[in-house]
């Protein structure tokens, strides 16, 4: 027990990790990519923070995919943190049986932004969530699966075909 306490006491805090050269390099990459403007409000005359869109136990600040890091002004960063906290509270209130559909919806939204995203569809409820994000039915999503997977381009094709059918009627 004493050995674990000693080891934990010697581990750097999160804020100490933010001083690490690897984080400074990643932070600079994100800020330069955003052209030193807030990705939310477009301000270019405010102090910018690099926002992690999620946290995972055990990852150091620089070990996240660059697409999960965002240049935000301090005000937008605070607002985003507030929204993330509220979302976590709401998720905590859901029934466990609702989680696959919610996860599917989140995967569907990701595929809307990044059509090359490949989604492993793990259940009917998961397919329902994906379908909801794309204004489809779970059955349409399931029928289009290839090896239990679907991507944003396929979902977009399904949605366009559905819209074409709706216009024809």
Protein backbone atom coordinates (compact mmCIF):
# COMPACT_ATOMS: atom_id res chain seq x y z
CA UNK A 1 0.00 0.00 0.00
CA UNK A 2 2.75 2.44 0.95
CA UNK A 3 4.55 1.70 -2.33
CA UNK A 4 1.40 2.61 -4.37
CA UNK A 5 0.87 5.79 -2.36
CA UNK A 6 4.49 6.77 -2.95
CA UNK A 7 4.23 6.11 -6.67
CA UNK A 8 0.98 8.09 -6.98
CA UNK A 9 2.47 10.99 -5.02
CA UNK A 10 5.36 11.17 -7.48
CA UNK A 11 3.16 11.14 -10.59
CA UNK A 12 2.71 14.58 -12.14
CA UNK A 13 -0.64 16.29 -11.79
CA UNK A 14 -2.73 17.05 -14.86
CA UNK A 15 -1.72 20.70 -14.66
CA UNK A 16 1.96 19.73 -14.49
CA UNK A 17 1.45 17.60 -17.61
CA UNK A 18 0.20 20.71 -19.42
CA UNK A 19 3.73 22.12 -19.09
CA UNK A 20 5.26 19.07 -20.79
CA UNK A 21 6.96 19.80 -24.15
CA UNK A 22 4.84 17.12 -25.88
CA UNK A 23 1.66 18.94 -24.84
CA UNK A 24 3.10 22.33 -25.80
CA UNK A 25 3.91 20.96 -29.27
CA UNK A 26 0.40 19.49 -29.67
CA UNK A 27 -1.20 22.68 -28.35
CA UNK A 28 0.73 24.78 -30.86
CA UNK A 29 -0.33 22.45 -33.68
CA UNK A 30 -4.02 22.87 -32.73
CA UNK A 31 -3.78 26.66 -32.41
CA UNK A 32 -1.92 27.00 -35.71
CA UNK A 33 -4.43 24.73 -37.45
CA UNK A 34 -7.24 26.99 -36.18
CA UNK A 35 -5.26 30.01 -37.42
CA UNK A 36 -5.25 31.40 -33.87
CA UNK A 37 -9.01 31.95 -33.87
CA UNK A 38 -11.73 30.49 -31.69
CA UNK A 39 -13.35 27.61 -33.54
CA UNK A 40 -16.71 28.44 -31.96
CA UNK A 41 -17.13 32.23 -32.15
CA UNK A 42 -14.33 33.16 -34.57
CA UNK A 43 -12.65 35.63 -32.19
CA UNK A 44 -9.02 36.27 -33.02
CA UNK A 45 -8.31 38.79 -30.27
CA UNK A 46 -8.89 36.65 -27.17
CA UNK A 47 -6.80 34.25 -25.14
CA UNK A 48 -7.21 30.77 -26.59
CA UNK A 49 -7.37 27.44 -24.78
CA UNK A 50 -7.11 24.00 -26.32
CA UNK A 51 -10.21 22.07 -25.35
CA UNK A 52 -10.25 18.27 -25.07
CA UNK A 53 -13.65 17.13 -26.33
CA UNK A 54 -13.41 14.10 -24.02
CA UNK A 55 -11.17 12.58 -21.40
CA UNK A 56 -10.05 9.02 -21.01
CA UNK A 57 -8.42 7.64 -17.89
CA UNK A 58 -4.73 7.00 -18.38
CA UNK A 59 -4.21 9.25 -21.41
CA UNK A 60 -1.83 12.14 -21.18
CA UNK A 61 -3.05 15.47 -22.65
CA UNK A 62 -0.98 14.99 -25.83
CA UNK A 63 -2.14 11.39 -26.43
CA UNK A 64 -5.57 12.34 -27.80
CA UNK A 65 -6.34 12.42 -31.53
CA UNK A 66 -5.83 15.91 -32.89
CA UNK A 67 -9.43 15.99 -34.17
CA UNK A 68 -10.64 15.79 -30.56
CA UNK A 69 -8.78 18.99 -29.64
CA UNK A 70 -10.28 22.42 -30.34
CA UNK A 71 -9.01 25.99 -30.13
CA UNK A 72 -11.55 27.93 -28.07
CA UNK A 73 -11.48 31.35 -26.47
CA UNK A 74 -11.80 31.30 -22.69
CA UNK A 75 -15.53 32.15 -22.77
CA UNK A 76 -16.39 29.49 -25.38
CA UNK A 77 -14.19 26.98 -23.52
CA UNK A 78 -16.11 27.60 -20.29
CA UNK A 79 -19.44 27.26 -22.11
CA UNK A 80 -18.31 24.01 -23.73
CA UNK A 81 -17.19 22.62 -20.39
CA UNK A 82 -20.58 23.53 -18.91
CA UNK A 83 -22.40 21.77 -21.77
CA UNK A 84 -20.17 18.69 -21.39
CA UNK A 85 -20.86 18.56 -17.66
CA UNK A 86 -24.63 18.87 -18.21
CA UNK A 87 -24.51 16.17 -20.90
CA UNK A 88 -22.67 13.85 -18.50
CA UNK A 89 -25.30 14.51 -15.82
CA UNK A 90 -28.11 13.76 -18.27
CA UNK A 91 -26.46 10.56 -19.49
CA UNK A 92 -26.17 9.49 -15.87
CA UNK A 93 -29.95 9.77 -15.51
CA UNK A 94 -30.74 7.50 -18.47
CA UNK A 95 -31.77 3.88 -18.23
CA UNK A 96 -28.93 1.56 -19.17
CA UNK A 97 -31.13 0.13 -21.92
CA UNK A 98 -31.16 3.58 -23.61
CA UNK A 99 -27.37 3.72 -23.94
CA UNK A 100 -27.00 1.76 -27.23
CA UNK A 101 -29.44 4.09 -29.03
CA UNK A 102 -27.69 7.16 -27.62
CA UNK A 103 -24.32 5.77 -28.68
CA UNK A 104 -25.73 5.06 -32.13
CA UNK A 105 -27.02 8.63 -32.36
CA UNK A 106 -23.58 9.95 -31.43
CA UNK A 107 -21.96 7.68 -34.04
CA UNK A 108 -24.49 8.91 -36.58
CA UNK A 109 -23.68 12.54 -35.82
CA UNK A 110 -19.96 11.78 -36.17
CA UNK A 111 -20.60 10.24 -39.59
CA UNK A 112 -22.54 13.36 -40.62
CA UNK A 113 -19.40 15.43 -40.01
CA UNK A 114 -16.89 12.81 -41.12
CA UNK A 115 -18.48 10.62 -43.83
CA UNK A 116 -15.47 8.30 -44.03
CA UNK A 117 -16.24 7.21 -40.45
CA UNK A 118 -16.93 3.47 -40.33
CA UNK A 119 -19.44 2.46 -37.65
CA UNK A 120 -19.58 -1.04 -36.21
CA UNK A 121 -23.31 -1.58 -35.66
CA UNK A 122 -23.62 -3.76 -32.58
CA UNK A 123 -27.39 -4.01 -32.02
CA UNK A 124 -30.80 -3.07 -33.32
CA UNK A 125 -30.96 -0.24 -30.74
CA UNK A 126 -27.59 1.05 -31.93
CA UNK A 127 -28.94 1.05 -35.50
CA UNK A 128 -32.02 2.98 -34.27
CA UNK A 129 -29.78 5.75 -32.91
CA UNK A 130 -27.75 5.94 -36.12
CA UNK A 131 -30.95 6.00 -38.15
CA UNK A 132 -32.44 8.80 -36.06
CA UNK A 133 -29.39 11.01 -36.70
CA UNK A 134 -29.80 10.47 -40.45
CA UNK A 135 -33.64 10.63 -40.64
CA UNK A 136 -33.79 6.94 -41.58
CA UNK A 137 -35.27 3.80 -40.09
CA UNK A 138 -33.27 1.17 -38.28
CA UNK A 139 -34.36 -1.30 -40.96
CA UNK A 140 -32.85 0.88 -43.71
CA UNK A 141 -29.56 1.06 -41.81
CA UNK A 142 -29.52 -2.69 -41.12
CA UNK A 143 -30.30 -3.57 -44.75
CA UNK A 144 -27.29 -1.53 -45.90
CA UNK A 145 -24.77 -3.10 -43.50
CA UNK A 146 -21.66 -4.78 -44.88
CA UNK A 147 -20.00 -7.05 -42.32
CA UNK A 148 -22.06 -5.30 -39.60
CA UNK A 149 -20.55 -1.94 -40.63
CA UNK A 150 -21.75 1.22 -42.33
CA UNK A 151 -20.10 4.54 -43.19
CA UNK A 152 -21.30 8.10 -43.66
CA UNK A 153 -21.23 7.90 -47.45
CA UNK A 154 -23.59 4.91 -47.40
CA UNK A 155 -25.85 6.65 -44.87
CA UNK A 156 -25.91 9.76 -47.05
CA UNK A 157 -26.88 7.64 -50.07
CA UNK A 158 -29.71 6.06 -48.07
CA UNK A 159 -30.96 9.46 -46.95
CA UNK A 160 -30.85 10.88 -50.49
CA UNK A 161 -32.70 7.83 -51.84
CA UNK A 162 -35.36 8.26 -49.15
CA UNK A 163 -35.75 11.96 -50.02
CA UNK A 164 -36.06 11.06 -53.68
CA UNK A 165 -38.82 8.54 -52.90
CA UNK A 166 -40.62 11.12 -50.75
CA UNK A 167 -40.53 13.71 -53.56
CA UNK A 168 -41.88 11.16 -56.03
CA UNK A 169 -44.99 10.56 -53.92
